[in-house]
């Protein structure tokens, strides 16, 4: 998972965060083995900001991927950050069993299954 961590760290350097200065990078691993990157992109109209995790997922989907197996999130500083609720739901759409790995410059990494982060989740099968 080192490759995924490095990819997320690299993506965090491209974040556009002039308001919060909270630079986040994400890397999702598709079932195909491909890695897709995303960073947070803030907007002066705060509600239009997009998180790094969703940005990475949307990049994967735009490339034709539909099954994701892992997501790495990197933030600068001494604390890790877990994905927000909206990101957890979007991740769930493409990988109910995925591993979520959270990293920072100096904190201990955190590894959770998406099921731990979003128990009793709502997914495509819930609509049937």
Protein backbone atom coordinates (compact mmCIF):
# COMPACT_ATOMS: atom_id res chain seq x y z
CA UNK A 1 0.00 0.00 0.00
CA UNK A 2 3.06 2.26 -0.01
CA UNK A 3 2.47 3.02 -3.68
CA UNK A 4 -1.09 4.12 -2.88
CA UNK A 5 0.12 6.31 0.00
CA UNK A 6 2.71 8.00 -2.19
CA UNK A 7 0.12 8.61 -4.89
CA UNK A 8 -2.25 10.23 -2.38
CA UNK A 9 0.60 12.34 -0.97
CA UNK A 10 1.50 13.51 -4.47
CA UNK A 11 -2.14 14.42 -5.15
CA UNK A 12 -2.31 16.48 -1.94
CA UNK A 13 0.37 18.78 -3.35
CA UNK A 14 -2.01 19.76 -6.14
CA UNK A 15 -4.94 20.62 -3.86
CA UNK A 16 -6.61 23.99 -4.33
CA UNK A 17 -7.34 25.07 -0.77
CA UNK A 18 -6.90 28.86 -0.50
CA UNK A 19 -9.64 29.20 2.15
CA UNK A 20 -8.99 26.36 4.57
CA UNK A 21 -5.32 25.63 3.76
CA UNK A 22 -6.32 21.98 4.36
CA UNK A 23 -4.61 20.11 1.52
CA UNK A 24 -5.96 16.61 0.96
CA UNK A 25 -4.97 14.03 -1.62
CA UNK A 26 -6.65 10.73 -2.37
CA UNK A 27 -5.78 7.72 -4.46
CA UNK A 28 -8.24 4.96 -5.27
CA UNK A 29 -7.17 1.52 -6.41
CA UNK A 30 -9.42 -0.06 -9.01
CA UNK A 31 -9.95 -3.80 -9.26
CA UNK A 32 -7.98 -3.57 -12.54
CA UNK A 33 -4.89 -2.45 -10.61
CA UNK A 34 -5.04 1.12 -11.91
CA UNK A 35 -4.69 4.02 -9.47
CA UNK A 36 -6.68 7.23 -9.83
CA UNK A 37 -5.89 10.47 -8.04
CA UNK A 38 -7.92 13.32 -6.67
CA UNK A 39 -7.34 16.38 -4.53
CA UNK A 40 -9.71 18.72 -2.77
CA UNK A 41 -10.77 21.73 -4.81
CA UNK A 42 -12.28 24.58 -2.83
CA UNK A 43 -14.57 27.28 -4.16
CA UNK A 44 -15.41 30.75 -2.92
CA UNK A 45 -18.99 29.45 -2.73
CA UNK A 46 -18.05 26.90 -0.05
CA UNK A 47 -20.84 24.43 -0.83
CA UNK A 48 -19.33 23.82 -4.25
CA UNK A 49 -16.07 22.48 -2.84
CA UNK A 50 -15.23 18.90 -3.80
CA UNK A 51 -13.35 16.51 -1.54
CA UNK A 52 -10.27 14.63 -2.70
CA UNK A 53 -11.90 11.22 -2.23
CA UNK A 54 -14.87 12.01 -4.46
CA UNK A 55 -12.60 13.64 -6.99
CA UNK A 56 -10.52 10.43 -7.20
CA UNK A 57 -13.61 8.22 -7.49
CA UNK A 58 -15.01 10.38 -10.27
CA UNK A 59 -11.69 10.14 -12.14
CA UNK A 60 -11.88 6.35 -11.91
CA UNK A 61 -15.48 6.27 -13.10
CA UNK A 62 -14.67 8.62 -15.99
CA UNK A 63 -12.00 6.09 -17.04
CA UNK A 64 -14.57 3.30 -17.06
CA UNK A 65 -13.84 1.72 -13.68
CA UNK A 66 -16.77 0.48 -11.61
CA UNK A 67 -15.09 -1.57 -8.84
CA UNK A 68 -12.72 0.02 -6.33
CA UNK A 69 -10.82 -2.00 -3.74
CA UNK A 70 -8.91 0.61 -1.71
CA UNK A 71 -8.68 4.32 -1.02
CA UNK A 72 -5.70 6.14 0.49
CA UNK A 73 -6.10 9.63 1.93
CA UNK A 74 -3.18 11.91 2.77
CA UNK A 75 -3.22 15.19 4.69
CA UNK A 76 -0.28 17.36 5.63
CA UNK A 77 0.40 17.74 9.31
CA UNK A 78 0.45 15.53 12.36
CA UNK A 79 -3.12 14.14 12.30
CA UNK A 80 -4.89 11.85 9.86
CA UNK A 81 -8.29 12.74 8.48
CA UNK A 82 -11.07 10.27 7.85
CA UNK A 83 -13.41 10.67 4.86
CA UNK A 84 -16.52 12.77 5.41
CA UNK A 85 -19.98 11.21 5.27
CA UNK A 86 -20.62 12.19 1.66
CA UNK A 87 -17.31 10.63 0.59
CA UNK A 88 -18.04 7.46 2.53
CA UNK A 89 -21.33 7.09 0.66
CA UNK A 90 -19.69 7.69 -2.74
CA UNK A 91 -16.93 5.20 -1.93
CA UNK A 92 -19.62 2.69 -0.92
CA UNK A 93 -21.21 2.91 -4.36
CA UNK A 94 -18.09 1.44 -5.97
CA UNK A 95 -16.61 -0.76 -3.25
CA UNK A 96 -18.62 -1.84 -0.24
CA UNK A 97 -15.68 -3.96 0.97
CA UNK A 98 -12.85 -1.56 0.21
CA UNK A 99 -10.03 -0.72 2.59
CA UNK A 100 -9.61 2.92 3.60
CA UNK A 101 -6.08 3.99 4.55
CA UNK A 102 -5.48 7.38 6.15
CA UNK A 103 -2.03 8.97 6.31
CA UNK A 104 -0.35 12.22 7.33
CA UNK A 105 3.21 13.51 7.60
CA UNK A 106 3.81 12.12 11.07
CA UNK A 107 0.77 10.44 12.64
CA UNK A 108 0.34 6.68 12.78
CA UNK A 109 -1.60 5.50 9.72
CA UNK A 110 -5.20 4.40 10.25
CA UNK A 111 -6.65 1.45 8.31
CA UNK A 112 -10.38 0.67 8.32
CA UNK A 113 -12.78 -1.24 6.16
CA UNK A 114 -15.49 0.85 4.60
CA UNK A 115 -17.97 -1.34 6.47
CA UNK A 116 -16.47 -0.09 9.74
CA UNK A 117 -16.76 3.52 8.58
CA UNK A 118 -20.27 3.17 7.15
CA UNK A 119 -22.08 0.33 8.94
CA UNK A 120 -25.48 -0.84 7.70
CA UNK A 121 -24.93 1.24 4.58
CA UNK A 122 -27.31 2.05 1.77
CA UNK A 123 -26.17 0.84 -1.65
CA UNK A 124 -27.43 -0.10 -5.11
CA UNK A 125 -28.87 -3.38 -3.81
CA UNK A 126 -31.03 -1.37 -1.38
CA UNK A 127 -33.06 -0.09 -4.32
CA UNK A 128 -34.15 -3.56 -5.53
